[in-house]
C-alpha cells in the first residue's frame, strides 16, 4: 500500500499516466479488508480458539482465487487489483492481531491497517 499512496500523490500532482481512481480504489479495498479482518479478530471468542484465523485465511484465499480467475479470464467481475488489495488488508489485520514477533510489514501499510 505504500506504493499506492505514493502513486496516488503523484497522480494528484498531475503526473501523466497515473490513475487517481485505481490507486484510491486499491487503498479503499485494502482498508475494507483490514476492517473485515479486524472485526473477525474482535469477535474471535476465546483466546484459545483459532477458528477466526482459519476463517480469515479462508476468506483471503477465496479473494485471491477469484482474483486469479478474473486475471486468467475464467471469471468476470470486479478488478483483480481490488480483490487482491482486500485480501491483503484482511491478512494484515490478522497478522496485526496475532502479533507474531519478527512478522512485520512496512510502517505505512501497518498504519493504514491500524
PDB file of N, CA and C in Angstrom:
ATOM      1  N   UNK A   1       0.804  -1.194   0.000  1.00  0.00           N
ATOM      2  CA  UNK A   1       0.000   0.000   0.000  1.00  0.00           C
ATOM      3  C   UNK A   1       0.850   1.261   0.000  1.00  0.00           C
ATOM      4  N   UNK A   2       2.084   1.150   0.437  1.00  0.00           N
ATOM      5  CA  UNK A   2       2.970   2.312   0.390  1.00  0.00           C
ATOM      6  C   UNK A   2       3.082   2.823  -1.038  1.00  0.00           C
ATOM      7  N   UNK A   3       3.232   1.925  -1.977  1.00  0.00           N
ATOM      8  CA  UNK A   3       3.320   2.306  -3.376  1.00  0.00           C
ATOM      9  C   UNK A   3       2.051   2.986  -3.874  1.00  0.00           C
ATOM     10  N   UNK A   4       0.907   2.498  -3.442  1.00  0.00           N
ATOM     11  CA  UNK A   4      -0.351   3.120  -3.856  1.00  0.00           C
ATOM     12  C   UNK A   4      -0.489   4.533  -3.297  1.00  0.00           C
ATOM     13  N   UNK A   5      -0.016   4.748  -2.095  1.00  0.00           N
ATOM     14  CA  UNK A   5      -0.064   6.091  -1.517  1.00  0.00           C
ATOM     15  C   UNK A   5       0.848   7.029  -2.324  1.00  0.00           C
ATOM     16  N   UNK A   6       2.033   6.551  -2.668  1.00  0.00           N
ATOM     17  CA  UNK A   6       2.964   7.351  -3.462  1.00  0.00           C
ATOM     18  C   UNK A   6       2.381   7.626  -4.847  1.00  0.00           C
ATOM     19  N   UNK A   7       1.863   6.585  -5.511  1.00  0.00           N
ATOM     20  CA  UNK A   7       1.269   6.766  -6.838  1.00  0.00           C
ATOM     21  C   UNK A   7       0.059   7.698  -6.794  1.00  0.00           C
ATOM     22  N   UNK A   8      -0.730   7.599  -5.742  1.00  0.00           N
ATOM     23  CA  UNK A   8      -1.874   8.499  -5.592  1.00  0.00           C
ATOM     24  C   UNK A   8      -1.388   9.942  -5.472  1.00  0.00           C
ATOM     25  N   UNK A   9      -0.346  10.162  -4.712  1.00  0.00           N
ATOM     26  CA  UNK A   9       0.227  11.507  -4.570  1.00  0.00           C
ATOM     27  C   UNK A   9       0.719  12.055  -5.898  1.00  0.00           C
ATOM     28  N   UNK A  10       1.433  11.219  -6.663  1.00  0.00           N
ATOM     29  CA  UNK A  10       1.903  11.650  -7.981  1.00  0.00           C
ATOM     30  C   UNK A  10       0.732  11.931  -8.917  1.00  0.00           C
ATOM     31  N   UNK A  11      -0.279  11.072  -8.872  1.00  0.00           N
ATOM     32  CA  UNK A  11      -1.449  11.268  -9.736  1.00  0.00           C
ATOM     33  C   UNK A  11      -2.172  12.564  -9.370  1.00  0.00           C
ATOM     34  N   UNK A  12      -2.293  12.836  -8.070  1.00  0.00           N
ATOM     35  CA  UNK A  12      -2.931  14.078  -7.634  1.00  0.00           C
ATOM     36  C   UNK A  12      -2.118  15.304  -8.054  1.00  0.00           C
ATOM     37  N   UNK A  13      -0.799  15.120  -8.162  1.00  0.00           N
ATOM     38  CA  UNK A  13       0.068  16.220  -8.590  1.00  0.00           C
ATOM     39  C   UNK A  13       0.027  16.419 -10.105  1.00  0.00           C
ATOM     40  N   UNK A  14      -0.653  15.513 -10.811  1.00  0.00           N
ATOM     41  CA  UNK A  14      -0.828  15.679 -12.250  1.00  0.00           C
ATOM     42  C   UNK A  14       0.163  14.950 -13.130  1.00  0.00           C
ATOM     43  N   UNK A  15       0.893  13.983 -12.574  1.00  0.00           N
ATOM     44  CA  UNK A  15       1.822  13.201 -13.392  1.00  0.00           C
ATOM     45  C   UNK A  15       1.005  12.387 -14.398  1.00  0.00           C
ATOM     46  N   UNK A  16       1.312  12.511 -15.687  1.00  0.00           N
ATOM     47  CA  UNK A  16       0.529  11.787 -16.694  1.00  0.00           C
ATOM     48  C   UNK A  16       0.735  10.272 -16.618  1.00  0.00           C
ATOM     49  N   UNK A  17      -0.310   9.538 -16.949  1.00  0.00           N
ATOM     50  CA  UNK A  17      -0.237   8.081 -16.988  1.00  0.00           C
ATOM     51  C   UNK A  17      -0.561   7.397 -15.672  1.00  0.00           C
ATOM     52  N   UNK A  18      -0.828   8.156 -14.633  1.00  0.00           N
ATOM     53  CA  UNK A  18      -1.175   7.565 -13.344  1.00  0.00           C
ATOM     54  C   UNK A  18      -2.653   7.813 -13.058  1.00  0.00           C
ATOM     55  N   UNK A  19      -3.274   6.832 -12.423  1.00  0.00           N
ATOM     56  CA  UNK A  19      -4.713   6.912 -12.186  1.00  0.00           C
ATOM     57  C   UNK A  19      -5.019   7.165 -10.714  1.00  0.00           C
ATOM     58  N   UNK A  20      -5.698   8.262 -10.468  1.00  0.00           N
ATOM     59  CA  UNK A  20      -6.164   8.555  -9.106  1.00  0.00           C
ATOM     60  C   UNK A  20      -7.168   7.488  -8.684  1.00  0.00           C
ATOM     61  N   UNK A  21      -8.065   7.140  -9.598  1.00  0.00           N
ATOM     62  CA  UNK A  21      -9.130   6.184  -9.292  1.00  0.00           C
ATOM     63  C   UNK A  21      -8.584   4.819  -8.897  1.00  0.00           C
ATOM     64  N   UNK A  22      -7.638   4.287  -9.675  1.00  0.00           N
ATOM     65  CA  UNK A  22      -7.091   2.955  -9.382  1.00  0.00           C
ATOM     66  C   UNK A  22      -6.365   2.922  -8.041  1.00  0.00           C
ATOM     67  N   UNK A  23      -5.548   3.925  -7.780  1.00  0.00           N
ATOM     68  CA  UNK A  23      -4.813   3.954  -6.505  1.00  0.00           C
ATOM     69  C   UNK A  23      -5.769   4.116  -5.333  1.00  0.00           C
ATOM     70  N   UNK A  24      -6.771   4.993  -5.492  1.00  0.00           N
ATOM     71  CA  UNK A  24      -7.737   5.198  -4.427  1.00  0.00           C
ATOM     72  C   UNK A  24      -8.552   3.934  -4.180  1.00  0.00           C
ATOM     73  N   UNK A  25      -8.984   3.255  -5.252  1.00  0.00           N
ATOM     74  CA  UNK A  25      -9.758   2.019  -5.093  1.00  0.00           C
ATOM     75  C   UNK A  25      -8.942   0.929  -4.396  1.00  0.00           C
ATOM     76  N   UNK A  26      -7.666   0.833  -4.750  1.00  0.00           N
ATOM     77  CA  UNK A  26      -6.804  -0.159  -4.095  1.00  0.00           C
ATOM     78  C   UNK A  26      -6.693   0.139  -2.599  1.00  0.00           C
ATOM     79  N   UNK A  27      -6.501   1.413  -2.247  1.00  0.00           N
ATOM     80  CA  UNK A  27      -6.425   1.787  -0.828  1.00  0.00           C
ATOM     81  C   UNK A  27      -7.746   1.527  -0.108  1.00  0.00           C
ATOM     82  N   UNK A  28      -8.854   1.874  -0.757  1.00  0.00           N
ATOM     83  CA  UNK A  28     -10.174   1.653  -0.143  1.00  0.00           C
ATOM     84  C   UNK A  28     -10.447   0.160   0.043  1.00  0.00           C
ATOM     85  N   UNK A  29     -10.084  -0.656  -0.944  1.00  0.00           N
ATOM     86  CA  UNK A  29     -10.281  -2.105  -0.832  1.00  0.00           C
ATOM     87  C   UNK A  29      -9.405  -2.686   0.271  1.00  0.00           C
ATOM     88  N   UNK A  30      -8.166  -2.210   0.358  1.00  0.00           N
ATOM     89  CA  UNK A  30      -7.263  -2.669   1.419  1.00  0.00           C
ATOM     90  C   UNK A  30      -7.853  -2.348   2.793  1.00  0.00           C
ATOM     91  N   UNK A  31      -8.334  -1.120   2.944  1.00  0.00           N
ATOM     92  CA  UNK A  31      -8.917  -0.719   4.232  1.00  0.00           C
ATOM     93  C   UNK A  31     -10.180  -1.518   4.542  1.00  0.00           C
ATOM     94  N   UNK A  32     -10.966  -1.827   3.524  1.00  0.00           N
ATOM     95  CA  UNK A  32     -12.159  -2.649   3.722  1.00  0.00           C
ATOM     96  C   UNK A  32     -11.765  -4.038   4.217  1.00  0.00           C
ATOM     97  N   UNK A  33     -10.750  -4.626   3.596  1.00  0.00           N
ATOM     98  CA  UNK A  33     -10.251  -5.918   4.049  1.00  0.00           C
ATOM     99  C   UNK A  33      -9.696  -5.854   5.462  1.00  0.00           C
ATOM    100  N   UNK A  34      -8.993  -4.768   5.773  1.00  0.00           N
ATOM    101  CA  UNK A  34      -8.435  -4.604   7.120  1.00  0.00           C
ATOM    102  C   UNK A  34      -9.547  -4.478   8.160  1.00  0.00           C
ATOM    103  N   UNK A  35     -10.595  -3.749   7.818  1.00  0.00           N
ATOM    104  CA  UNK A  35     -11.735  -3.621   8.739  1.00  0.00           C
ATOM    105  C   UNK A  35     -12.389  -4.985   8.944  1.00  0.00           C
ATOM    106  N   UNK A  36     -12.581  -5.734   7.859  1.00  0.00           N
ATOM    107  CA  UNK A  36     -13.186  -7.068   7.973  1.00  0.00           C
ATOM    108  C   UNK A  36     -12.329  -7.978   8.842  1.00  0.00           C
ATOM    109  N   UNK A  37     -11.017  -7.966   8.629  1.00  0.00           N
ATOM    110  CA  UNK A  37     -10.126  -8.779   9.450  1.00  0.00           C
ATOM    111  C   UNK A  37     -10.119  -8.336  10.904  1.00  0.00           C
ATOM    112  N   UNK A  38     -10.158  -7.027  11.123  1.00  0.00           N
ATOM    113  CA  UNK A  38     -10.210  -6.507  12.488  1.00  0.00           C
ATOM    114  C   UNK A  38     -11.490  -6.909  13.207  1.00  0.00           C
ATOM    115  N   UNK A  39     -12.594  -6.891  12.484  1.00  0.00           N
ATOM    116  CA  UNK A  39     -13.863  -7.306  13.104  1.00  0.00           C
ATOM    117  C   UNK A  39     -13.865  -8.794  13.410  1.00  0.00           C
ATOM    118  N   UNK A  40     -13.281  -9.591  12.531  1.00  0.00           N
ATOM    119  CA  UNK A  40     -13.168 -11.030  12.807  1.00  0.00           C
ATOM    120  C   UNK A  40     -12.357 -11.252  14.072  1.00  0.00           C
ATOM    121  N   UNK A  41     -11.268 -10.506  14.209  1.00  0.00           N
ATOM    122  CA  UNK A  41     -10.398 -10.650  15.376  1.00  0.00           C
ATOM    123  C   UNK A  41     -11.095 -10.171  16.639  1.00  0.00           C
ATOM    124  N   UNK A  42     -11.888  -9.110  16.537  1.00  0.00           N
ATOM    125  CA  UNK A  42     -12.585  -8.563  17.696  1.00  0.00           C
ATOM    126  C   UNK A  42     -13.643  -9.532  18.219  1.00  0.00           C
ATOM    127  N   UNK A  43     -14.309 -10.197  17.302  1.00  0.00           N
ATOM    128  CA  UNK A  43     -15.369 -11.138  17.681  1.00  0.00           C
ATOM    129  C   UNK A  43     -14.855 -12.575  17.695  1.00  0.00           C
ATOM    130  N   UNK A  44     -13.595 -12.726  18.039  1.00  0.00           N
ATOM    131  CA  UNK A  44     -12.932 -14.019  17.930  1.00  0.00           C
ATOM    132  C   UNK A  44     -13.385 -15.039  18.961  1.00  0.00           C
ATOM    133  N   UNK A  45     -13.934 -14.621  20.055  1.00  0.00           N
ATOM    134  CA  UNK A  45     -14.308 -15.581  21.091  1.00  0.00           C
ATOM    135  C   UNK A  45     -13.150 -15.822  22.026  1.00  0.00           C
ATOM    136  N   UNK A  46     -12.997 -17.047  22.461  1.00  0.00           N
ATOM    137  CA  UNK A  46     -11.957 -17.359  23.435  1.00  0.00           C
ATOM    138  C   UNK A  46     -10.572 -17.253  22.795  1.00  0.00           C
ATOM    139  N   UNK A  47      -9.598 -16.804  23.587  1.00  0.00           N
ATOM    140  CA  UNK A  47      -8.237 -16.642  23.064  1.00  0.00           C
ATOM    141  C   UNK A  47      -7.630 -17.958  22.572  1.00  0.00           C
ATOM    142  N   UNK A  48      -8.074 -19.070  23.124  1.00  0.00           N
ATOM    143  CA  UNK A  48      -7.513 -20.363  22.734  1.00  0.00           C
ATOM    144  C   UNK A  48      -8.027 -20.820  21.375  1.00  0.00           C
ATOM    145  N   UNK A  49      -9.146 -20.286  20.971  1.00  0.00           N
ATOM    146  CA  UNK A  49      -9.751 -20.699  19.714  1.00  0.00           C
ATOM    147  C   UNK A  49      -9.072 -19.999  18.540  1.00  0.00           C
ATOM    148  N   UNK A  50      -8.667 -20.793  17.565  1.00  0.00           N
ATOM    149  CA  UNK A  50      -8.052 -20.204  16.385  1.00  0.00           C
ATOM    150  C   UNK A  50      -8.985 -20.281  15.183  1.00  0.00           C
ATOM    151  N   UNK A  51     -10.260 -20.527  15.443  1.00  0.00           N
ATOM    152  CA  UNK A  51     -11.241 -20.616  14.358  1.00  0.00           C
ATOM    153  C   UNK A  51     -11.299 -19.358  13.513  1.00  0.00           C
ATOM    154  N   UNK A  52     -11.230 -18.208  14.170  1.00  0.00           N
ATOM    155  CA  UNK A  52     -11.314 -16.944  13.445  1.00  0.00           C
ATOM    156  C   UNK A  52     -10.156 -16.773  12.483  1.00  0.00           C
ATOM    157  N   UNK A  53      -8.975 -17.283  12.864  1.00  0.00           N
ATOM    158  CA  UNK A  53      -7.805 -17.184  11.991  1.00  0.00           C
ATOM    159  C   UNK A  53      -8.018 -18.045  10.750  1.00  0.00           C
ATOM    160  N   UNK A  54      -8.522 -19.239  10.955  1.00  0.00           N
ATOM    161  CA  UNK A  54      -8.806 -20.136   9.839  1.00  0.00           C
ATOM    162  C   UNK A  54      -9.847 -19.498   8.917  1.00  0.00           C
ATOM    163  N   UNK A  55     -10.877 -18.913   9.505  1.00  0.00           N
ATOM    164  CA  UNK A  55     -11.928 -18.251   8.721  1.00  0.00           C
ATOM    165  C   UNK A  55     -11.353 -17.065   7.940  1.00  0.00           C
ATOM    166  N   UNK A  56     -10.517 -16.277   8.584  1.00  0.00           N
ATOM    167  CA  UNK A  56      -9.917 -15.121   7.920  1.00  0.00           C
ATOM    168  C   UNK A  56      -9.034 -15.557   6.758  1.00  0.00           C
ATOM    169  N   UNK A  57      -8.204 -16.572   6.968  1.00  0.00           N
ATOM    170  CA  UNK A  57      -7.343 -17.038   5.885  1.00  0.00           C
ATOM    171  C   UNK A  57      -8.140 -17.724   4.780  1.00  0.00           C
ATOM    172  N   UNK A  58      -9.266 -18.331   5.125  1.00  0.00           N
ATOM    173  CA  UNK A  58     -10.160 -18.893   4.106  1.00  0.00           C
ATOM    174  C   UNK A  58     -10.683 -17.775   3.197  1.00  0.00           C
ATOM    175  N   UNK A  59     -11.174 -16.690   3.799  1.00  0.00           N
ATOM    176  CA  UNK A  59     -11.691 -15.583   3.006  1.00  0.00           C
ATOM    177  C   UNK A  59     -10.588 -14.917   2.178  1.00  0.00           C
ATOM    178  N   UNK A  60      -9.396 -14.821   2.752  1.00  0.00           N
ATOM    179  CA  UNK A  60      -8.273 -14.274   1.991  1.00  0.00           C
ATOM    180  C   UNK A  60      -7.988 -15.151   0.774  1.00  0.00           C
ATOM    181  N   UNK A  61      -7.937 -16.458   0.995  1.00  0.00           N
ATOM    182  CA  UNK A  61      -7.693 -17.396  -0.107  1.00  0.00           C
ATOM    183  C   UNK A  61      -8.783 -17.309  -1.166  1.00  0.00           C
ATOM    184  N   UNK A  62     -10.019 -17.187  -0.720  1.00  0.00           N
ATOM    185  CA  UNK A  62     -11.139 -17.061  -1.659  1.00  0.00           C
ATOM    186  C   UNK A  62     -11.004 -15.799  -2.508  1.00  0.00           C
ATOM    187  N   UNK A  63     -10.681 -14.675  -1.875  1.00  0.00           N
ATOM    188  CA  UNK A  63     -10.488 -13.428  -2.619  1.00  0.00           C
ATOM    189  C   UNK A  63      -9.350 -13.559  -3.635  1.00  0.00           C
ATOM    190  N   UNK A  64      -8.259 -14.198  -3.233  1.00  0.00           N
ATOM    191  CA  UNK A  64      -7.123 -14.368  -4.149  1.00  0.00           C
ATOM    192  C   UNK A  64      -7.458 -15.343  -5.279  1.00  0.00           C
ATOM    193  N   UNK A  65      -8.244 -16.367  -4.990  1.00  0.00           N
ATOM    194  CA  UNK A  65      -8.659 -17.316  -6.017  1.00  0.00           C
ATOM    195  C   UNK A  65      -9.547 -16.636  -7.059  1.00  0.00           C
ATOM    196  N   UNK A  66     -10.500 -15.844  -6.599  1.00  0.00           N
ATOM    197  CA  UNK A  66     -11.368 -15.113  -7.526  1.00  0.00           C
ATOM    198  C   UNK A  66     -10.544 -14.109  -8.326  1.00  0.00           C
ATOM    199  N   UNK A  67      -9.608 -13.461  -7.672  1.00  0.00           N
ATOM    200  CA  UNK A  67      -8.732 -12.519  -8.360  1.00  0.00           C
ATOM    201  C   UNK A  67      -7.943 -13.218  -9.466  1.00  0.00           C
ATOM    202  N   UNK A  68      -7.425 -14.398  -9.174  1.00  0.00           N
ATOM    203  CA  UNK A  68      -6.682 -15.169 -10.176  1.00  0.00           C
ATOM    204  C   UNK A  68      -7.600 -15.585 -11.318  1.00  0.00           C
ATOM    205  N   UNK A  69      -8.821 -15.999 -10.993  1.00  0.00           N
ATOM    206  CA  UNK A  69      -9.779 -16.396 -12.030  1.00  0.00           C
ATOM    207  C   UNK A  69     -10.118 -15.219 -12.938  1.00  0.00           C
ATOM    208  N   UNK A  70     -10.309 -14.047 -12.354  1.00  0.00           N
ATOM    209  CA  UNK A  70     -10.588 -12.845 -13.147  1.00  0.00           C
ATOM    210  C   UNK A  70      -9.382 -12.526 -14.022  1.00  0.00           C
ATOM    211  N   UNK A  71      -8.197 -12.646 -13.464  1.00  0.00           N
ATOM    212  CA  UNK A  71      -6.969 -12.344 -14.194  1.00  0.00           C
ATOM    213  C   UNK A  71      -6.776 -13.291 -15.381  1.00  0.00           C
ATOM    214  N   UNK A  72      -7.141 -14.540 -15.198  1.00  0.00           N
ATOM    215  CA  UNK A  72      -6.983 -15.536 -16.264  1.00  0.00           C
ATOM    216  C   UNK A  72      -8.144 -15.525 -17.252  1.00  0.00           C
ATOM    217  N   UNK A  73      -9.156 -14.732 -16.965  1.00  0.00           N
ATOM    218  CA  UNK A  73     -10.305 -14.658 -17.852  1.00  0.00           C
ATOM    219  C   UNK A  73     -11.324 -15.754 -17.632  1.00  0.00           C
ATOM    220  N   UNK A  74     -11.152 -16.553 -16.576  1.00  0.00           N
ATOM    221  CA  UNK A  74     -12.075 -17.637 -16.266  1.00  0.00           C
ATOM    222  C   UNK A  74     -13.372 -17.094 -15.686  1.00  0.00           C
ATOM    223  N   UNK A  75     -13.265 -16.017 -14.942  1.00  0.00           N
ATOM    224  CA  UNK A  75     -14.433 -15.402 -14.304  1.00  0.00           C
ATOM    225  C   UNK A  75     -14.464 -13.925 -14.653  1.00  0.00           C
ATOM    226  N   UNK A  76     -15.641 -13.368 -14.623  1.00  0.00           N
ATOM    227  CA  UNK A  76     -15.803 -11.938 -14.836  1.00  0.00           C
ATOM    228  C   UNK A  76     -16.208 -11.315 -13.515  1.00  0.00           C
ATOM    229  N   UNK A  77     -15.962 -10.065 -13.399  1.00  0.00           N
ATOM    230  CA  UNK A  77     -16.366  -9.389 -12.172  1.00  0.00           C
ATOM    231  C   UNK A  77     -15.467  -8.226 -11.867  1.00  0.00           C
ATOM    232  N   UNK A  78     -15.276  -7.995 -10.569  1.00  0.00           N
ATOM    233  CA  UNK A  78     -14.506  -6.845 -10.114  1.00  0.00           C
ATOM    234  C   UNK A  78     -13.060  -6.904 -10.540  1.00  0.00           C
ATOM    235  N   UNK A  79     -12.404  -5.823 -10.358  1.00  0.00           N
ATOM    236  CA  UNK A  79     -10.998  -5.710 -10.699  1.00  0.00           C
ATOM    237  C   UNK A  79     -10.163  -6.636  -9.822  1.00  0.00           C
ATOM    238  N   UNK A  80      -9.226  -7.331 -10.453  1.00  0.00           N
ATOM    239  CA  UNK A  80      -8.374  -8.232  -9.666  1.00  0.00           C
ATOM    240  C   UNK A  80      -7.530  -7.462  -8.669  1.00  0.00           C
ATOM    241  N   UNK A  81      -7.189  -6.203  -8.987  1.00  0.00           N
ATOM    242  CA  UNK A  81      -6.418  -5.388  -8.052  1.00  0.00           C
ATOM    243  C   UNK A  81      -7.198  -5.085  -6.787  1.00  0.00           C
ATOM    244  N   UNK A  82      -8.473  -4.814  -6.954  1.00  0.00           N
ATOM    245  CA  UNK A  82      -9.326  -4.527  -5.799  1.00  0.00           C
ATOM    246  C   UNK A  82      -9.486  -5.783  -4.948  1.00  0.00           C
ATOM    247  N   UNK A  83      -9.697  -6.928  -5.577  1.00  0.00           N
ATOM    248  CA  UNK A  83      -9.848  -8.182  -4.832  1.00  0.00           C
ATOM    249  C   UNK A  83      -8.561  -8.539  -4.084  1.00  0.00           C
ATOM    250  N   UNK A  84      -7.432  -8.358  -4.742  1.00  0.00           N
ATOM    251  CA  UNK A  84      -6.144  -8.645  -4.109  1.00  0.00           C
ATOM    252  C   UNK A  84      -5.874  -7.684  -2.956  1.00  0.00           C
ATOM    253  N   UNK A  85      -6.189  -6.410  -3.148  1.00  0.00           N
ATOM    254  CA  UNK A  85      -5.983  -5.429  -2.080  1.00  0.00           C
ATOM    255  C   UNK A  85      -6.835  -5.759  -0.862  1.00  0.00           C
ATOM    256  N   UNK A  86      -8.073  -6.175  -1.080  1.00  0.00           N
ATOM    257  CA  UNK A  86      -8.946  -6.557   0.040  1.00  0.00           C
ATOM    258  C   UNK A  86      -8.359  -7.762   0.777  1.00  0.00           C
ATOM    259  N   UNK A  87      -7.843  -8.725   0.021  1.00  0.00           N
ATOM    260  CA  UNK A  87      -7.222  -9.903   0.635  1.00  0.00           C
ATOM    261  C   UNK A  87      -6.007  -9.512   1.472  1.00  0.00           C
ATOM    262  N   UNK A  88      -5.206  -8.586   0.968  1.00  0.00           N
ATOM    263  CA  UNK A  88      -4.019  -8.158   1.701  1.00  0.00           C
ATOM    264  C   UNK A  88      -4.384  -7.368   2.965  1.00  0.00           C
ATOM    265  N   UNK A  89      -5.438  -6.579   2.894  1.00  0.00           N
ATOM    266  CA  UNK A  89      -5.904  -5.874   4.082  1.00  0.00           C
ATOM    267  C   UNK A  89      -6.356  -6.845   5.159  1.00  0.00           C
ATOM    268  N   UNK A  90      -7.087  -7.860   4.740  1.00  0.00           N
ATOM    269  CA  UNK A  90      -7.541  -8.899   5.668  1.00  0.00           C
ATOM    270  C   UNK A  90      -6.349  -9.589   6.312  1.00  0.00           C
ATOM    271  N   UNK A  91      -5.362  -9.936   5.483  1.00  0.00           N
ATOM    272  CA  UNK A  91      -4.163 -10.609   6.007  1.00  0.00           C
ATOM    273  C   UNK A  91      -3.433  -9.723   7.011  1.00  0.00           C
ATOM    274  N   UNK A  92      -3.245  -8.459   6.691  1.00  0.00           N
ATOM    275  CA  UNK A  92      -2.514  -7.576   7.600  1.00  0.00           C
ATOM    276  C   UNK A  92      -3.228  -7.409   8.927  1.00  0.00           C
ATOM    277  N   UNK A  93      -4.553  -7.351   8.910  1.00  0.00           N
ATOM    278  CA  UNK A  93      -5.301  -7.231  10.167  1.00  0.00           C
ATOM    279  C   UNK A  93      -5.112  -8.472  11.029  1.00  0.00           C
ATOM    280  N   UNK A  94      -5.111  -9.641  10.401  1.00  0.00           N
ATOM    281  CA  UNK A  94      -4.910 -10.891  11.147  1.00  0.00           C
ATOM    282  C   UNK A  94      -3.498 -10.940  11.714  1.00  0.00           C
ATOM    283  N   UNK A  95      -2.511 -10.590  10.898  1.00  0.00           N
ATOM    284  CA  UNK A  95      -1.120 -10.590  11.363  1.00  0.00           C
ATOM    285  C   UNK A  95      -0.950  -9.608  12.514  1.00  0.00           C
ATOM    286  N   UNK A  96      -1.600  -8.459  12.391  1.00  0.00           N
ATOM    287  CA  UNK A  96      -1.524  -7.440  13.464  1.00  0.00           C
ATOM    288  C   UNK A  96      -2.089  -7.991  14.767  1.00  0.00           C
ATOM    289  N   UNK A  97      -3.230  -8.681  14.681  1.00  0.00           N
ATOM    290  CA  UNK A  97      -3.877  -9.226  15.879  1.00  0.00           C
ATOM    291  C   UNK A  97      -3.043 -10.359  16.485  1.00  0.00           C
ATOM    292  N   UNK A  98      -2.458 -11.188  15.637  1.00  0.00           N
ATOM    293  CA  UNK A  98      -1.655 -12.306  16.144  1.00  0.00           C
ATOM    294  C   UNK A  98      -0.377 -11.829  16.814  1.00  0.00           C
ATOM    295  N   UNK A  99       0.133 -10.684  16.383  1.00  0.00           N
ATOM    296  CA  UNK A  99       1.330 -10.061  16.971  1.00  0.00           C
ATOM    297  C   UNK A  99       2.512 -11.033  17.070  1.00  0.00           C
ATOM    298  N   UNK A 100       2.781 -11.722  15.974  1.00  0.00           N
ATOM    299  CA  UNK A 100       3.908 -12.649  15.922  1.00  0.00           C
ATOM    300  C   UNK A 100       5.195 -11.836  15.795  1.00  0.00           C
ATOM    301  N   UNK A 101       6.161 -12.037  16.697  1.00  0.00           N
ATOM    302  CA  UNK A 101       7.415 -11.293  16.608  1.00  0.00           C
ATOM    303  C   UNK A 101       8.125 -11.562  15.281  1.00  0.00           C
ATOM    304  N   UNK A 102       8.750 -10.554  14.749  1.00  0.00           N
ATOM    305  CA  UNK A 102       9.522 -10.633  13.505  1.00  0.00           C
ATOM    306  C   UNK A 102       8.684 -10.884  12.263  1.00  0.00           C
ATOM    307  N   UNK A 103       7.358 -10.789  12.361  1.00  0.00           N
ATOM    308  CA  UNK A 103       6.497 -10.901  11.188  1.00  0.00           C
ATOM    309  C   UNK A 103       5.932  -9.508  10.937  1.00  0.00           C
ATOM    310  N   UNK A 104       6.695  -8.739  10.188  1.00  0.00           N
ATOM    311  CA  UNK A 104       6.346  -7.333  10.032  1.00  0.00           C
ATOM    312  C   UNK A 104       5.998  -7.008   8.594  1.00  0.00           C
ATOM    313  N   UNK A 105       5.479  -5.831   8.413  1.00  0.00           N
ATOM    314  CA  UNK A 105       5.227  -5.268   7.091  1.00  0.00           C
ATOM    315  C   UNK A 105       5.695  -3.821   7.148  1.00  0.00           C
ATOM    316  N   UNK A 106       5.559  -3.101   6.077  1.00  0.00           N
ATOM    317  CA  UNK A 106       6.040  -1.733   6.068  1.00  0.00           C
ATOM    318  C   UNK A 106       5.250  -0.878   7.046  1.00  0.00           C
ATOM    319  N   UNK A 107       5.863   0.167   7.505  1.00  0.00           N
ATOM    320  CA  UNK A 107       5.269   1.036   8.513  1.00  0.00           C
ATOM    321  C   UNK A 107       3.985   1.690   7.994  1.00  0.00           C
ATOM    322  N   UNK A 108       4.011   2.187   6.761  1.00  0.00           N
ATOM    323  CA  UNK A 108       2.820   2.863   6.235  1.00  0.00           C
ATOM    324  C   UNK A 108       1.669   1.881   6.056  1.00  0.00           C
ATOM    325  N   UNK A 109       1.954   0.699   5.548  1.00  0.00           N
ATOM    326  CA  UNK A 109       0.905  -0.309   5.375  1.00  0.00           C
ATOM    327  C   UNK A 109       0.294  -0.673   6.723  1.00  0.00           C
ATOM    328  N   UNK A 110       1.115  -0.849   7.735  1.00  0.00           N
ATOM    329  CA  UNK A 110       0.591  -1.192   9.063  1.00  0.00           C
ATOM    330  C   UNK A 110      -0.181  -0.017   9.651  1.00  0.00           C
ATOM    331  N   UNK A 111       0.218   1.197   9.354  1.00  0.00           N
ATOM    332  CA  UNK A 111      -0.514   2.379   9.819  1.00  0.00           C
ATOM    333  C   UNK A 111      -1.898   2.408   9.183  1.00  0.00           C
ATOM    334  N   UNK A 112      -1.983   2.108   7.900  1.00  0.00           N
ATOM    335  CA  UNK A 112      -3.282   2.059   7.229  1.00  0.00           C
ATOM    336  C   UNK A 112      -4.135   0.954   7.838  1.00  0.00           C
ATOM    337  N   UNK A 113      -3.515  -0.197   8.141  1.00  0.00           N
ATOM    338  CA  UNK A 113      -4.235  -1.303   8.765  1.00  0.00           C
ATOM    339  C   UNK A 113      -4.782  -0.902  10.124  1.00  0.00           C
ATOM    340  N   UNK A 114      -3.971  -0.202  10.905  1.00  0.00           N
ATOM    341  CA  UNK A 114      -4.425   0.254  12.221  1.00  0.00           C
ATOM    342  C   UNK A 114      -5.621   1.174  12.077  1.00  0.00           C
TER     343      UNK A 114
END
